[in-house]
């Protein structure tokens, strides 16, 4: 099994960008909807019901604001990656081929499929990402009592 570094990394990076953009758009839309709901509540209600409805809408808006902040942080983390910098040691931006799967060290996305091949897109801070960082082809790491032999780092 061999990794073709740049076309695959580029495709994974683009899918990560789409994932982040979708999260940002969804959070912004939900915030706007919650704000509209709060505004409608103020037009149509009076008394305690008004206050409760408005408070609920504000809580919902705040929750979506937090999701938006998280998505914007993911976008920032993604933009800081240098996927074209060659390295024989696993780092953020690396593509890692192991005997148990392929990993792209970027942001926490989960499984992405490129040309019918599964790749696990993980953050350097995730348990498996942190374990892989600093290792090279030929090294073996143990995660969840399973040995992962690094076959290639791109």
N, C-alpha and C. Protein backbone atom coordinates (compact mmCIF):
# COMPACT_ATOMS: atom_id res chain seq x y z
N UNK A 1 0.84 -1.18 0.00
CA UNK A 1 0.00 0.00 0.00
C UNK A 1 0.89 1.24 0.00
N UNK A 2 0.57 2.19 -0.87
CA UNK A 2 1.39 3.39 -1.00
C UNK A 2 0.47 4.61 -1.01
N UNK A 3 0.91 5.66 -0.38
CA UNK A 3 0.16 6.92 -0.37
C UNK A 3 0.73 7.83 -1.45
N UNK A 4 -0.15 8.44 -2.23
CA UNK A 4 0.29 9.50 -3.15
C UNK A 4 0.08 10.79 -2.38
N UNK A 5 1.16 11.40 -1.89
CA UNK A 5 1.01 12.46 -0.90
C UNK A 5 0.13 13.63 -1.28
N UNK A 6 0.53 14.41 -2.26
CA UNK A 6 -0.14 15.68 -2.43
C UNK A 6 -1.56 15.62 -2.97
N UNK A 7 -1.86 14.84 -3.99
CA UNK A 7 -3.25 14.83 -4.45
C UNK A 7 -4.22 14.38 -3.35
N UNK A 8 -3.84 13.39 -2.58
CA UNK A 8 -4.71 12.90 -1.50
C UNK A 8 -4.80 13.94 -0.38
N UNK A 9 -3.65 14.47 0.01
CA UNK A 9 -3.67 15.49 1.07
C UNK A 9 -4.48 16.71 0.63
N UNK A 10 -4.32 17.11 -0.62
CA UNK A 10 -5.10 18.25 -1.13
C UNK A 10 -6.59 17.95 -1.08
N UNK A 11 -6.97 16.75 -1.51
CA UNK A 11 -8.39 16.37 -1.50
C UNK A 11 -8.93 16.32 -0.07
N UNK A 12 -8.16 15.76 0.85
CA UNK A 12 -8.57 15.70 2.25
C UNK A 12 -8.71 17.11 2.83
N UNK A 13 -7.75 17.96 2.52
CA UNK A 13 -7.77 19.33 3.00
C UNK A 13 -9.02 20.06 2.49
N UNK A 14 -9.33 19.86 1.20
CA UNK A 14 -10.52 20.50 0.62
C UNK A 14 -11.79 19.99 1.29
N UNK A 15 -11.86 18.69 1.58
CA UNK A 15 -13.04 18.15 2.26
C UNK A 15 -13.14 18.70 3.68
N UNK A 16 -12.00 18.89 4.34
CA UNK A 16 -12.00 19.50 5.67
C UNK A 16 -12.53 20.93 5.60
N UNK A 17 -12.11 21.66 4.56
CA UNK A 17 -12.60 23.03 4.38
C UNK A 17 -14.12 23.04 4.19
N UNK A 18 -14.63 22.11 3.38
CA UNK A 18 -16.08 22.02 3.16
C UNK A 18 -16.80 21.70 4.47
N UNK A 19 -16.25 20.78 5.24
CA UNK A 19 -16.83 20.39 6.52
C UNK A 19 -16.92 21.61 7.45
N UNK A 20 -15.84 22.37 7.55
CA UNK A 20 -15.81 23.54 8.43
C UNK A 20 -16.76 24.61 7.92
N UNK A 21 -16.76 24.85 6.61
CA UNK A 21 -17.65 25.86 6.03
C UNK A 21 -19.12 25.50 6.32
N UNK A 22 -19.46 24.23 6.21
CA UNK A 22 -20.83 23.79 6.48
C UNK A 22 -21.18 24.01 7.96
N UNK A 23 -20.26 23.72 8.85
CA UNK A 23 -20.51 23.95 10.28
C UNK A 23 -20.71 25.43 10.57
N UNK A 24 -19.90 26.28 9.95
CA UNK A 24 -20.03 27.73 10.14
C UNK A 24 -21.38 28.21 9.62
N UNK A 25 -21.73 27.79 8.40
CA UNK A 25 -23.00 28.22 7.80
C UNK A 25 -24.20 27.75 8.63
N UNK A 26 -24.15 26.51 9.09
CA UNK A 26 -25.25 25.95 9.89
C UNK A 26 -25.41 26.72 11.20
N UNK A 27 -24.29 26.99 11.87
CA UNK A 27 -24.35 27.71 13.15
C UNK A 27 -24.87 29.14 12.95
N UNK A 28 -24.41 29.80 11.88
CA UNK A 28 -24.88 31.17 11.62
C UNK A 28 -26.38 31.18 11.32
N UNK A 29 -26.84 30.25 10.51
CA UNK A 29 -28.27 30.17 10.18
C UNK A 29 -29.10 29.91 11.43
N UNK A 30 -28.63 29.01 12.27
CA UNK A 30 -29.37 28.68 13.49
C UNK A 30 -29.40 29.87 14.45
N UNK A 31 -28.29 30.61 14.52
CA UNK A 31 -28.26 31.82 15.36
C UNK A 31 -29.28 32.84 14.86
N UNK A 32 -29.31 33.03 13.55
CA UNK A 32 -30.25 33.99 12.97
C UNK A 32 -31.69 33.56 13.24
N UNK A 33 -31.96 32.27 13.10
CA UNK A 33 -33.31 31.76 13.35
C UNK A 33 -33.70 31.96 14.81
N UNK A 34 -32.78 31.71 15.73
CA UNK A 34 -33.06 31.90 17.15
C UNK A 34 -33.31 33.38 17.46
N UNK A 35 -32.54 34.25 16.81
CA UNK A 35 -32.72 35.69 17.02
C UNK A 35 -34.08 36.13 16.49
N UNK A 36 -34.44 35.63 15.30
CA UNK A 36 -35.76 35.96 14.74
C UNK A 36 -36.87 35.47 15.66
N UNK A 37 -36.68 34.29 16.23
CA UNK A 37 -37.66 33.73 17.15
C UNK A 37 -37.81 34.62 18.37
N UNK A 38 -36.70 35.11 18.89
CA UNK A 38 -36.74 36.01 20.04
C UNK A 38 -37.44 37.31 19.67
N UNK A 39 -37.16 37.81 18.49
CA UNK A 39 -37.80 39.05 18.04
C UNK A 39 -39.31 38.86 17.87
N UNK A 40 -39.71 37.72 17.31
CA UNK A 40 -41.14 37.42 17.14
C UNK A 40 -41.82 37.28 18.50
N UNK A 41 -41.12 36.68 19.44
CA UNK A 41 -41.66 36.49 20.78
C UNK A 41 -41.98 37.83 21.41
N UNK A 42 -41.13 38.83 21.16
CA UNK A 42 -41.35 40.15 21.77
C UNK A 42 -42.55 40.84 21.13
N UNK A 43 -42.87 40.51 19.88
CA UNK A 43 -44.00 41.14 19.21
C UNK A 43 -45.33 40.52 19.61
N UNK A 44 -45.30 39.20 19.92
CA UNK A 44 -46.57 38.51 20.05
C UNK A 44 -46.94 38.11 21.47
N UNK A 45 -46.07 38.34 22.44
CA UNK A 45 -46.33 37.86 23.79
C UNK A 45 -46.31 38.99 24.79
N UNK A 46 -46.84 38.68 25.96
CA UNK A 46 -46.82 39.64 27.05
C UNK A 46 -46.57 38.90 28.35
N UNK A 47 -46.01 39.61 29.34
CA UNK A 47 -45.85 39.04 30.67
C UNK A 47 -44.81 37.94 30.75
N UNK A 48 -45.08 37.00 31.67
CA UNK A 48 -44.13 35.92 31.96
C UNK A 48 -43.87 35.04 30.75
N UNK A 49 -44.91 34.78 29.96
CA UNK A 49 -44.73 33.94 28.78
C UNK A 49 -43.72 34.59 27.83
N UNK A 50 -43.81 35.89 27.69
CA UNK A 50 -42.87 36.64 26.84
C UNK A 50 -41.44 36.46 27.35
N UNK A 51 -41.26 36.67 28.67
CA UNK A 51 -39.92 36.58 29.25
C UNK A 51 -39.35 35.17 29.09
N UNK A 52 -40.16 34.15 29.31
CA UNK A 52 -39.71 32.76 29.20
C UNK A 52 -39.34 32.44 27.75
N UNK A 53 -40.19 32.81 26.83
CA UNK A 53 -39.93 32.55 25.41
C UNK A 53 -38.68 33.27 24.93
N UNK A 54 -38.53 34.49 25.36
CA UNK A 54 -37.36 35.28 24.97
C UNK A 54 -36.08 34.68 25.57
N UNK A 55 -36.16 34.26 26.83
CA UNK A 55 -35.00 33.65 27.48
C UNK A 55 -34.61 32.35 26.80
N UNK A 56 -35.60 31.56 26.42
CA UNK A 56 -35.33 30.29 25.74
C UNK A 56 -34.66 30.56 24.39
N UNK A 57 -35.16 31.55 23.67
CA UNK A 57 -34.57 31.89 22.38
C UNK A 57 -33.14 32.40 22.55
N UNK A 58 -32.90 33.17 23.63
CA UNK A 58 -31.55 33.68 23.89
C UNK A 58 -30.60 32.53 24.23
N UNK A 59 -31.05 31.55 24.99
CA UNK A 59 -30.23 30.37 25.32
C UNK A 59 -29.89 29.62 24.04
N UNK A 60 -30.88 29.46 23.17
CA UNK A 60 -30.66 28.77 21.90
C UNK A 60 -29.66 29.54 21.03
N UNK A 61 -29.81 30.85 20.99
CA UNK A 61 -28.89 31.68 20.22
C UNK A 61 -27.47 31.56 20.77
N UNK A 62 -27.33 31.60 22.10
CA UNK A 62 -26.02 31.48 22.73
C UNK A 62 -25.38 30.12 22.44
N UNK A 63 -26.19 29.08 22.43
CA UNK A 63 -25.67 27.74 22.13
C UNK A 63 -25.11 27.70 20.70
N UNK A 64 -25.84 28.28 19.77
CA UNK A 64 -25.37 28.31 18.38
C UNK A 64 -24.16 29.25 18.22
N UNK A 65 -24.10 30.29 19.03
CA UNK A 65 -22.93 31.17 19.00
C UNK A 65 -21.69 30.40 19.44
N UNK A 66 -21.84 29.53 20.44
CA UNK A 66 -20.72 28.70 20.90
C UNK A 66 -20.29 27.73 19.79
N UNK A 67 -21.26 27.13 19.11
CA UNK A 67 -20.95 26.23 18.00
C UNK A 67 -20.24 26.97 16.87
N UNK A 68 -20.67 28.20 16.62
CA UNK A 68 -20.02 29.02 15.60
C UNK A 68 -18.57 29.32 16.00
N UNK A 69 -18.36 29.67 17.26
CA UNK A 69 -17.00 29.96 17.74
C UNK A 69 -16.10 28.73 17.57
N UNK A 70 -16.64 27.55 17.88
CA UNK A 70 -15.86 26.31 17.72
C UNK A 70 -15.54 26.07 16.24
N UNK A 71 -16.50 26.31 15.37
CA UNK A 71 -16.28 26.09 13.93
C UNK A 71 -15.25 27.09 13.39
N UNK A 72 -15.30 28.32 13.86
CA UNK A 72 -14.32 29.32 13.43
C UNK A 72 -12.92 28.96 13.92
N UNK A 73 -12.82 28.37 15.11
CA UNK A 73 -11.53 27.91 15.63
C UNK A 73 -11.01 26.76 14.77
N UNK A 74 -11.88 25.84 14.36
CA UNK A 74 -11.48 24.76 13.46
C UNK A 74 -10.95 25.34 12.15
N UNK A 75 -11.64 26.36 11.63
CA UNK A 75 -11.21 26.98 10.38
C UNK A 75 -9.82 27.59 10.55
N UNK A 76 -9.59 28.25 11.67
CA UNK A 76 -8.28 28.84 11.95
C UNK A 76 -7.21 27.75 12.04
N UNK A 77 -7.51 26.67 12.76
CA UNK A 77 -6.56 25.56 12.88
C UNK A 77 -6.23 24.97 11.52
N UNK A 78 -7.24 24.84 10.69
CA UNK A 78 -7.05 24.27 9.36
C UNK A 78 -6.16 25.16 8.50
N UNK A 79 -6.39 26.48 8.56
CA UNK A 79 -5.59 27.41 7.76
C UNK A 79 -4.12 27.45 8.20
N UNK A 80 -3.85 27.07 9.43
CA UNK A 80 -2.48 27.09 9.93
C UNK A 80 -1.68 25.87 9.50
N UNK A 81 -2.35 24.85 8.96
CA UNK A 81 -1.65 23.65 8.51
C UNK A 81 -0.80 23.94 7.28
N UNK A 82 0.37 23.34 7.25
CA UNK A 82 1.21 23.39 6.06
C UNK A 82 1.29 21.97 5.53
N UNK A 83 0.35 21.63 4.65
CA UNK A 83 0.29 20.24 4.17
C UNK A 83 1.35 19.94 3.11
N UNK A 84 1.98 20.96 2.58
CA UNK A 84 2.98 20.75 1.54
C UNK A 84 4.40 20.61 2.08
N UNK A 85 4.58 20.86 3.37
CA UNK A 85 5.91 20.78 3.97
C UNK A 85 6.27 19.30 4.17
N UNK A 86 7.33 18.83 3.48
CA UNK A 86 7.70 17.43 3.63
C UNK A 86 8.26 17.15 5.02
N UNK A 87 7.95 15.99 5.55
CA UNK A 87 8.46 15.59 6.86
C UNK A 87 8.41 14.07 6.96
N UNK A 88 9.46 13.49 7.48
CA UNK A 88 9.47 12.05 7.68
C UNK A 88 8.92 11.70 9.06
N UNK A 89 8.66 12.74 9.87
CA UNK A 89 8.12 12.56 11.21
C UNK A 89 6.67 13.07 11.21
N UNK A 90 5.78 12.34 11.86
CA UNK A 90 4.37 12.74 11.91
C UNK A 90 4.24 14.07 12.64
N UNK A 91 3.50 15.00 12.01
CA UNK A 91 3.22 16.33 12.56
C UNK A 91 1.84 16.74 12.05
N UNK A 92 1.36 17.87 12.51
CA UNK A 92 0.10 18.41 11.98
C UNK A 92 0.29 18.62 10.48
N UNK A 93 -0.64 18.12 9.69
CA UNK A 93 -0.55 18.21 8.24
C UNK A 93 -0.05 16.93 7.59
N UNK A 94 0.37 15.96 8.41
CA UNK A 94 0.89 14.70 7.87
C UNK A 94 -0.22 13.74 7.47
N UNK A 95 0.10 12.94 6.49
CA UNK A 95 -0.73 11.81 6.09
C UNK A 95 0.05 10.57 6.53
N UNK A 96 -0.60 9.71 7.29
CA UNK A 96 0.08 8.56 7.89
C UNK A 96 -0.61 7.27 7.46
N UNK A 97 0.18 6.37 6.90
CA UNK A 97 -0.32 5.05 6.52
C UNK A 97 0.14 4.07 7.60
N UNK A 98 -0.81 3.37 8.20
CA UNK A 98 -0.48 2.34 9.20
C UNK A 98 -1.07 1.01 8.74
N UNK A 99 -0.73 -0.03 9.46
CA UNK A 99 -1.31 -1.34 9.17
C UNK A 99 -2.79 -1.39 9.55
N UNK A 100 -3.28 -0.40 10.24
CA UNK A 100 -4.68 -0.38 10.69
C UNK A 100 -5.48 0.78 10.11
N UNK A 101 -4.95 1.46 9.12
CA UNK A 101 -5.70 2.54 8.50
C UNK A 101 -4.83 3.72 8.14
N UNK A 102 -5.46 4.68 7.48
CA UNK A 102 -4.78 5.89 7.03
C UNK A 102 -5.31 7.06 7.84
N UNK A 103 -4.39 7.91 8.28
CA UNK A 103 -4.75 9.04 9.13
C UNK A 103 -4.21 10.33 8.52
N UNK A 104 -5.06 11.37 8.55
CA UNK A 104 -4.65 12.71 8.16
C UNK A 104 -4.72 13.53 9.44
N UNK A 105 -3.57 14.06 9.86
CA UNK A 105 -3.49 14.82 11.11
C UNK A 105 -3.81 16.27 10.79
N UNK A 106 -5.03 16.68 11.11
CA UNK A 106 -5.49 18.02 10.74
C UNK A 106 -6.43 18.58 11.81
N UNK A 107 -7.72 18.34 11.66
CA UNK A 107 -8.74 18.74 12.62
C UNK A 107 -9.63 17.52 12.85
N UNK A 108 -10.41 17.53 13.89
CA UNK A 108 -11.28 16.39 14.16
C UNK A 108 -12.49 16.42 13.22
N UNK A 109 -12.47 15.55 12.24
CA UNK A 109 -13.58 15.44 11.29
C UNK A 109 -14.18 14.04 11.35
N UNK A 110 -13.33 13.04 11.49
CA UNK A 110 -13.78 11.65 11.43
C UNK A 110 -13.37 11.04 10.11
N UNK A 111 -14.16 10.12 9.63
CA UNK A 111 -13.80 9.39 8.41
C UNK A 111 -14.21 10.16 7.16
N UNK A 112 -13.26 10.28 6.24
CA UNK A 112 -13.53 10.83 4.91
C UNK A 112 -13.09 9.78 3.90
N UNK A 113 -13.74 9.77 2.75
CA UNK A 113 -13.41 8.80 1.70
C UNK A 113 -12.90 9.55 0.48
N UNK A 114 -11.71 9.17 0.03
CA UNK A 114 -11.11 9.74 -1.18
C UNK A 114 -10.86 8.58 -2.13
N UNK A 115 -11.44 8.65 -3.32
CA UNK A 115 -11.28 7.60 -4.33
C UNK A 115 -11.55 6.20 -3.78
N UNK A 116 -12.60 6.11 -2.95
CA UNK A 116 -12.99 4.81 -2.40
C UNK A 116 -12.13 4.32 -1.25
N UNK A 117 -11.20 5.13 -0.78
CA UNK A 117 -10.31 4.75 0.31
C UNK A 117 -10.66 5.57 1.56
N UNK A 118 -10.77 4.89 2.71
CA UNK A 118 -11.10 5.55 3.97
C UNK A 118 -9.87 6.21 4.58
N UNK A 119 -10.06 7.44 5.05
CA UNK A 119 -9.03 8.17 5.79
C UNK A 119 -9.67 8.70 7.06
N UNK A 120 -8.96 8.60 8.16
CA UNK A 120 -9.45 9.13 9.42
C UNK A 120 -8.78 10.48 9.65
N UNK A 121 -9.58 11.53 9.66
CA UNK A 121 -9.06 12.88 9.82
C UNK A 121 -9.19 13.22 11.31
N UNK A 122 -8.01 13.36 11.95
CA UNK A 122 -7.97 13.56 13.40
C UNK A 122 -7.15 14.78 13.75
N UNK A 123 -7.45 15.35 14.87
CA UNK A 123 -6.71 16.48 15.40
C UNK A 123 -5.41 16.00 16.02
N UNK A 124 -4.37 16.84 15.99
CA UNK A 124 -3.13 16.48 16.68
C UNK A 124 -3.36 16.31 18.19
N UNK A 125 -4.41 16.94 18.71
CA UNK A 125 -4.72 16.85 20.14
C UNK A 125 -5.58 15.63 20.50
N UNK A 126 -6.11 14.94 19.49
CA UNK A 126 -6.92 13.75 19.77
C UNK A 126 -6.01 12.65 20.32
N UNK A 127 -6.57 11.67 21.01
CA UNK A 127 -5.72 10.61 21.56
C UNK A 127 -4.84 9.92 20.52
N UNK A 128 -5.41 9.52 19.39
CA UNK A 128 -4.60 8.84 18.36
C UNK A 128 -3.66 9.82 17.68
N UNK A 129 -4.12 11.05 17.44
CA UNK A 129 -3.27 12.06 16.81
C UNK A 129 -2.06 12.37 17.67
N UNK A 130 -2.28 12.58 18.97
CA UNK A 130 -1.18 12.88 19.89
C UNK A 130 -0.19 11.72 19.97
N UNK A 131 -0.71 10.50 19.88
CA UNK A 131 0.15 9.32 19.93
C UNK A 131 1.02 9.20 18.68
N UNK A 132 0.47 9.54 17.52
CA UNK A 132 1.22 9.43 16.27
C UNK A 132 2.27 10.54 16.09
N UNK A 133 1.99 11.72 16.63
CA UNK A 133 2.89 12.87 16.47
C UNK A 133 4.30 12.49 16.94
N UNK A 134 5.28 12.84 16.11
CA UNK A 134 6.67 12.63 16.47
C UNK A 134 7.23 11.28 16.05
N UNK A 135 6.37 10.39 15.57
CA UNK A 135 6.84 9.06 15.13
C UNK A 135 7.14 9.06 13.64
N UNK A 136 7.88 8.04 13.20
CA UNK A 136 8.29 7.91 11.80
C UNK A 136 7.89 6.54 11.27
N UNK A 137 8.00 6.39 9.94
CA UNK A 137 7.75 5.09 9.31
C UNK A 137 8.65 4.05 9.97
N UNK A 138 8.09 2.89 10.26
CA UNK A 138 8.83 1.83 10.93
C UNK A 138 8.53 1.76 12.41
N UNK A 139 8.04 2.87 13.00
CA UNK A 139 7.69 2.87 14.41
C UNK A 139 6.36 2.14 14.62
N UNK A 140 6.17 1.65 15.83
CA UNK A 140 4.91 1.03 16.22
C UNK A 140 4.41 1.75 17.47
N UNK A 141 3.14 2.12 17.46
CA UNK A 141 2.51 2.73 18.63
C UNK A 141 1.33 1.86 19.04
N UNK A 142 0.97 1.91 20.30
CA UNK A 142 -0.16 1.12 20.79
C UNK A 142 -1.28 2.06 21.20
N UNK A 143 -2.46 1.81 20.66
CA UNK A 143 -3.64 2.62 20.97
C UNK A 143 -4.79 1.66 21.23
N UNK A 144 -5.45 1.81 22.36
CA UNK A 144 -6.55 0.91 22.74
C UNK A 144 -6.13 -0.56 22.65
N UNK A 145 -4.95 -0.84 23.16
CA UNK A 145 -4.39 -2.20 23.20
C UNK A 145 -4.17 -2.81 21.82
N UNK A 146 -4.11 -1.96 20.79
CA UNK A 146 -3.86 -2.44 19.43
C UNK A 146 -2.60 -1.75 18.90
N UNK A 147 -1.75 -2.55 18.26
CA UNK A 147 -0.50 -2.02 17.70
C UNK A 147 -0.76 -1.43 16.32
N UNK A 148 -0.25 -0.22 16.13
CA UNK A 148 -0.32 0.46 14.84
C UNK A 148 1.11 0.60 14.34
N UNK A 149 1.42 -0.08 13.26
CA UNK A 149 2.75 0.03 12.67
C UNK A 149 2.70 1.10 11.59
N UNK A 150 3.52 2.14 11.76
CA UNK A 150 3.58 3.22 10.78
C UNK A 150 4.38 2.74 9.58
N UNK A 151 3.71 2.74 8.41
CA UNK A 151 4.34 2.25 7.20
C UNK A 151 4.87 3.38 6.32
N UNK A 152 4.19 4.51 6.39
CA UNK A 152 4.61 5.65 5.56
C UNK A 152 4.09 6.93 6.17
N UNK A 153 4.90 7.98 6.08
CA UNK A 153 4.52 9.32 6.55
C UNK A 153 4.74 10.27 5.39
N UNK A 154 3.71 11.00 5.03
CA UNK A 154 3.82 11.95 3.91
C UNK A 154 3.39 13.33 4.37
